[in-house]
Each structure stands twice: as C-alpha cells, then as structure tokens.
C-alpha cells in the first residue's frame, strides 16, 4: 500500500504548513481597518436626564 509510505506525504504536509505560517500571517497582519477607533477622553460624558411628562 503506497499510502502508508510517509516520505512524500510528510514533505507535502510540511511544505504546505510552512507556506501557511510564513506567507499568510504577514498578509493578514498588514491589513488596515478603514475606520480606526479614536481615543475618547478619560472623563465620561454625563448622560442627560429624560424630560418625559408622565400622564
């Protein structure tokens, strides 16, 4: 049974994982988001109270 010989399959597995670990992560980490979050002030704004009439 040739599928039990690990020599060619291990090399294919190793090279494919090497490709995934070397080529793909820099492409993902270089991704820039369209809207970077802005830093808000440390003081939280005071919420306004509701002026709803109670009928």
PDB file of N, CA and C in Angstrom:
ATOM      1  N   UNK A   1       0.834  -1.191   0.000  1.00  0.00           N
ATOM      2  CA  UNK A   1       0.000   0.000   0.000  1.00  0.00           C
ATOM      3  C   UNK A   1       0.876   1.251   0.000  1.00  0.00           C
ATOM      4  N   UNK A   2       0.888   1.993  -1.061  1.00  0.00           N
ATOM      5  CA  UNK A   2       1.775   3.150  -1.119  1.00  0.00           C
ATOM      6  C   UNK A   2       1.354   4.294  -0.210  1.00  0.00           C
ATOM      7  N   UNK A   3       0.070   4.367   0.201  1.00  0.00           N
ATOM      8  CA  UNK A   3      -0.351   5.479   1.038  1.00  0.00           C
ATOM      9  C   UNK A   3       0.218   5.384   2.454  1.00  0.00           C
ATOM     10  N   UNK A   4       0.777   4.236   2.826  1.00  0.00           N
ATOM     11  CA  UNK A   4       1.373   4.108   4.147  1.00  0.00           C
ATOM     12  C   UNK A   4       2.817   4.583   4.186  1.00  0.00           C
ATOM     13  N   UNK A   5       3.381   4.892   3.038  1.00  0.00           N
ATOM     14  CA  UNK A   5       4.740   5.417   2.995  1.00  0.00           C
ATOM     15  C   UNK A   5       4.681   6.910   3.347  1.00  0.00           C
ATOM     16  N   UNK A   6       5.213   7.332   4.503  1.00  0.00           N
ATOM     17  CA  UNK A   6       5.062   8.730   4.924  1.00  0.00           C
ATOM     18  C   UNK A   6       6.018   9.703   4.234  1.00  0.00           C
ATOM     19  N   UNK A   7       6.972   9.212   3.484  1.00  0.00           N
ATOM     20  CA  UNK A   7       8.000  10.097   2.926  1.00  0.00           C
ATOM     21  C   UNK A   7       7.419  11.204   2.036  1.00  0.00           C
ATOM     22  N   UNK A   8       6.648  10.929   0.980  1.00  0.00           N
ATOM     23  CA  UNK A   8       6.192  12.051   0.157  1.00  0.00           C
ATOM     24  C   UNK A   8       5.100  12.875   0.834  1.00  0.00           C
ATOM     25  N   UNK A   9       4.257  12.244   1.631  1.00  0.00           N
ATOM     26  CA  UNK A   9       3.139  12.966   2.240  1.00  0.00           C
ATOM     27  C   UNK A   9       3.593  13.871   3.365  1.00  0.00           C
ATOM     28  N   UNK A  10       4.617  13.448   4.085  1.00  0.00           N
ATOM     29  CA  UNK A  10       5.118  14.313   5.150  1.00  0.00           C
ATOM     30  C   UNK A  10       5.749  15.576   4.569  1.00  0.00           C
ATOM     31  N   UNK A  11       6.469  15.446   3.457  1.00  0.00           N
ATOM     32  CA  UNK A  11       7.067  16.611   2.825  1.00  0.00           C
ATOM     33  C   UNK A  11       5.989  17.570   2.319  1.00  0.00           C
ATOM     34  N   UNK A  12       4.931  17.033   1.730  1.00  0.00           N
ATOM     35  CA  UNK A  12       3.827  17.872   1.257  1.00  0.00           C
ATOM     36  C   UNK A  12       3.150  18.570   2.426  1.00  0.00           C
ATOM     37  N   UNK A  13       2.898  17.841   3.492  1.00  0.00           N
ATOM     38  CA  UNK A  13       2.284  18.427   4.687  1.00  0.00           C
ATOM     39  C   UNK A  13       3.176  19.515   5.279  1.00  0.00           C
ATOM     40  N   UNK A  14       4.456  19.238   5.376  1.00  0.00           N
ATOM     41  CA  UNK A  14       5.390  20.199   5.958  1.00  0.00           C
ATOM     42  C   UNK A  14       5.486  21.467   5.110  1.00  0.00           C
ATOM     43  N   UNK A  15       5.582  21.317   3.810  1.00  0.00           N
ATOM     44  CA  UNK A  15       5.686  22.494   2.943  1.00  0.00           C
ATOM     45  C   UNK A  15       4.397  23.308   2.912  1.00  0.00           C
ATOM     46  N   UNK A  16       3.257  22.641   2.979  1.00  0.00           N
ATOM     47  CA  UNK A  16       2.010  23.402   2.995  1.00  0.00           C
ATOM     48  C   UNK A  16       1.865  24.185   4.304  1.00  0.00           C
ATOM     49  N   UNK A  17       2.223  23.581   5.446  1.00  0.00           N
ATOM     50  CA  UNK A  17       2.155  24.311   6.704  1.00  0.00           C
ATOM     51  C   UNK A  17       3.195  25.421   6.755  1.00  0.00           C
ATOM     52  N   UNK A  18       4.346  25.174   6.169  1.00  0.00           N
ATOM     53  CA  UNK A  18       5.360  26.216   6.108  1.00  0.00           C
ATOM     54  C   UNK A  18       4.862  27.406   5.294  1.00  0.00           C
ATOM     55  N   UNK A  19       4.158  27.133   4.229  1.00  0.00           N
ATOM     56  CA  UNK A  19       3.566  28.201   3.423  1.00  0.00           C
ATOM     57  C   UNK A  19       2.537  28.974   4.231  1.00  0.00           C
ATOM     58  N   UNK A  20       1.684  28.247   4.936  1.00  0.00           N
ATOM     59  CA  UNK A  20       0.674  28.923   5.747  1.00  0.00           C
ATOM     60  C   UNK A  20       1.297  29.779   6.841  1.00  0.00           C
ATOM     61  N   UNK A  21       2.356  29.293   7.463  1.00  0.00           N
ATOM     62  CA  UNK A  21       2.929  30.007   8.603  1.00  0.00           C
ATOM     63  C   UNK A  21       3.879  31.133   8.210  1.00  0.00           C
ATOM     64  N   UNK A  22       4.399  31.121   6.992  1.00  0.00           N
ATOM     65  CA  UNK A  22       5.344  32.160   6.592  1.00  0.00           C
ATOM     66  C   UNK A  22       4.704  33.192   5.671  1.00  0.00           C
ATOM     67  N   UNK A  23       3.883  32.763   4.738  1.00  0.00           N
ATOM     68  CA  UNK A  23       3.362  33.674   3.718  1.00  0.00           C
ATOM     69  C   UNK A  23       2.084  34.367   4.168  1.00  0.00           C
ATOM     70  N   UNK A  24       1.176  33.644   4.765  1.00  0.00           N
ATOM     71  CA  UNK A  24      -0.154  34.189   5.029  1.00  0.00           C
ATOM     72  C   UNK A  24      -0.212  35.142   6.238  1.00  0.00           C
ATOM     73  N   UNK A  25       0.403  34.854   7.401  1.00  0.00           N
ATOM     74  CA  UNK A  25       0.274  35.789   8.531  1.00  0.00           C
ATOM     75  C   UNK A  25       0.733  37.215   8.260  1.00  0.00           C
ATOM     76  N   UNK A  26       1.843  37.463   7.556  1.00  0.00           N
ATOM     77  CA  UNK A  26       2.172  38.876   7.280  1.00  0.00           C
ATOM     78  C   UNK A  26       1.114  39.578   6.439  1.00  0.00           C
ATOM     79  N   UNK A  27       0.468  38.849   5.549  1.00  0.00           N
ATOM     80  CA  UNK A  27      -0.583  39.472   4.743  1.00  0.00           C
ATOM     81  C   UNK A  27      -1.772  39.849   5.623  1.00  0.00           C
ATOM     82  N   UNK A  28      -2.095  39.003   6.581  1.00  0.00           N
ATOM     83  CA  UNK A  28      -3.229  39.286   7.469  1.00  0.00           C
ATOM     84  C   UNK A  28      -2.872  40.417   8.436  1.00  0.00           C
ATOM     85  N   UNK A  29      -1.652  40.395   8.961  1.00  0.00           N
ATOM     86  CA  UNK A  29      -1.257  41.424   9.922  1.00  0.00           C
ATOM     87  C   UNK A  29      -1.062  42.785   9.263  1.00  0.00           C
ATOM     88  N   UNK A  30      -0.841  42.820   7.964  1.00  0.00           N
ATOM     89  CA  UNK A  30      -0.674  44.096   7.269  1.00  0.00           C
ATOM     90  C   UNK A  30      -2.005  44.737   6.916  1.00  0.00           C
ATOM     91  N   UNK A  31      -3.094  44.060   7.222  1.00  0.00           N
ATOM     92  CA  UNK A  31      -4.418  44.594   6.897  1.00  0.00           C
ATOM     93  C   UNK A  31      -4.694  45.844   7.711  1.00  0.00           C
ATOM     94  N   UNK A  32      -5.194  46.878   7.061  1.00  0.00           N
ATOM     95  CA  UNK A  32      -5.539  48.128   7.727  1.00  0.00           C
ATOM     96  C   UNK A  32      -7.055  48.270   7.756  1.00  0.00           C
ATOM     97  N   UNK A  33      -7.580  48.614   8.897  1.00  0.00           N
ATOM     98  CA  UNK A  33      -9.005  48.829   9.023  1.00  0.00           C
ATOM     99  C   UNK A  33      -9.376  50.179   8.422  1.00  0.00           C
ATOM    100  N   UNK A  34     -10.559  50.264   7.870  1.00  0.00           N
ATOM    101  CA  UNK A  34     -10.996  51.509   7.242  1.00  0.00           C
ATOM    102  C   UNK A  34     -11.215  52.611   8.279  1.00  0.00           C
ATOM    103  N   UNK A  35     -11.793  52.281   9.400  1.00  0.00           N
ATOM    104  CA  UNK A  35     -12.096  53.271  10.437  1.00  0.00           C
ATOM    105  C   UNK A  35     -11.386  52.887  11.719  1.00  0.00           C
ATOM    106  N   UNK A  36     -10.277  53.532  11.969  1.00  0.00           N
ATOM    107  CA  UNK A  36      -9.565  53.277  13.218  1.00  0.00           C
ATOM    108  C   UNK A  36     -10.335  53.930  14.363  1.00  0.00           C
ATOM    109  N   UNK A  37     -10.453  53.263  15.489  1.00  0.00           N
ATOM    110  CA  UNK A  37     -11.171  53.878  16.610  1.00  0.00           C
ATOM    111  C   UNK A  37     -10.393  55.064  17.176  1.00  0.00           C
ATOM    112  N   UNK A  38     -11.118  56.093  17.528  1.00  0.00           N
ATOM    113  CA  UNK A  38     -10.475  57.274  18.108  1.00  0.00           C
ATOM    114  C   UNK A  38     -10.495  57.159  19.626  1.00  0.00           C
ATOM    115  N   UNK A  39      -9.489  57.718  20.242  1.00  0.00           N
ATOM    116  CA  UNK A  39      -9.381  57.674  21.696  1.00  0.00           C
ATOM    117  C   UNK A  39     -10.260  58.771  22.268  1.00  0.00           C
ATOM    118  N   UNK A  40     -11.173  58.385  23.124  1.00  0.00           N
ATOM    119  CA  UNK A  40     -12.050  59.361  23.767  1.00  0.00           C
ATOM    120  C   UNK A  40     -11.367  59.866  25.036  1.00  0.00           C
ATOM    121  N   UNK A  41     -11.894  60.941  25.574  1.00  0.00           N
ATOM    122  CA  UNK A  41     -11.346  61.481  26.808  1.00  0.00           C
ATOM    123  C   UNK A  41     -11.567  60.515  27.965  1.00  0.00           C
ATOM    124  N   UNK A  42     -10.770  60.666  29.010  1.00  0.00           N
ATOM    125  CA  UNK A  42     -10.886  59.782  30.158  1.00  0.00           C
ATOM    126  C   UNK A  42     -12.176  60.039  30.933  1.00  0.00           C
ATOM    127  N   UNK A  43     -12.701  61.252  30.838  1.00  0.00           N
ATOM    128  CA  UNK A  43     -13.915  61.602  31.578  1.00  0.00           C
ATOM    129  C   UNK A  43     -15.136  61.229  30.739  1.00  0.00           C
ATOM    130  N   UNK A  44     -16.022  60.467  31.330  1.00  0.00           N
ATOM    131  CA  UNK A  44     -17.224  60.054  30.609  1.00  0.00           C
ATOM    132  C   UNK A  44     -18.233  61.212  30.575  1.00  0.00           C
ATOM    133  N   UNK A  45     -18.905  61.393  29.451  1.00  0.00           N
ATOM    134  CA  UNK A  45     -19.913  62.460  29.415  1.00  0.00           C
ATOM    135  C   UNK A  45     -21.105  62.092  30.307  1.00  0.00           C
ATOM    136  N   UNK A  46     -21.635  63.116  30.978  1.00  0.00           N
ATOM    137  CA  UNK A  46     -22.761  62.886  31.875  1.00  0.00           C
ATOM    138  C   UNK A  46     -24.029  62.725  31.038  1.00  0.00           C
ATOM    139  N   UNK A  47     -24.759  61.641  31.226  1.00  0.00           N
ATOM    140  CA  UNK A  47     -25.985  61.462  30.438  1.00  0.00           C
ATOM    141  C   UNK A  47     -27.060  62.447  30.875  1.00  0.00           C
ATOM    142  N   UNK A  48     -27.800  62.926  29.910  1.00  0.00           N
ATOM    143  CA  UNK A  48     -28.872  63.870  30.227  1.00  0.00           C
ATOM    144  C   UNK A  48     -30.096  63.098  30.713  1.00  0.00           C
ATOM    145  N   UNK A  49     -30.799  63.706  31.648  1.00  0.00           N
ATOM    146  CA  UNK A  49     -31.994  63.041  32.175  1.00  0.00           C
ATOM    147  C   UNK A  49     -33.152  63.208  31.179  1.00  0.00           C
ATOM    148  N   UNK A  50     -34.089  62.298  31.249  1.00  0.00           N
ATOM    149  CA  UNK A  50     -35.244  62.339  30.349  1.00  0.00           C
ATOM    150  C   UNK A  50     -36.292  63.301  30.914  1.00  0.00           C
ATOM    151  N   UNK A  51     -36.774  64.200  30.089  1.00  0.00           N
ATOM    152  CA  UNK A  51     -37.829  65.118  30.497  1.00  0.00           C
ATOM    153  C   UNK A  51     -39.168  64.680  29.913  1.00  0.00           C
ATOM    154  N   UNK A  52     -39.536  63.460  30.153  1.00  0.00           N
ATOM    155  CA  UNK A  52     -40.796  62.954  29.614  1.00  0.00           C
ATOM    156  C   UNK A  52     -41.927  63.233  30.602  1.00  0.00           C
ATOM    157  N   UNK A  53     -42.979  63.809  30.120  1.00  0.00           N
ATOM    158  CA  UNK A  53     -44.119  64.005  31.017  1.00  0.00           C
ATOM    159  C   UNK A  53     -44.798  62.655  31.302  1.00  0.00           C
ATOM    160  N   UNK A  54     -45.198  62.478  32.553  1.00  0.00           N
ATOM    161  CA  UNK A  54     -45.889  61.244  32.928  1.00  0.00           C
ATOM    162  C   UNK A  54     -47.377  61.528  33.012  1.00  0.00           C
ATOM    163  N   UNK A  55     -48.087  61.017  32.046  1.00  0.00           N
ATOM    164  CA  UNK A  55     -49.532  61.234  32.004  1.00  0.00           C
ATOM    165  C   UNK A  55     -50.254  60.154  32.734  1.00  0.00           C
TER     166      UNK A  55
END
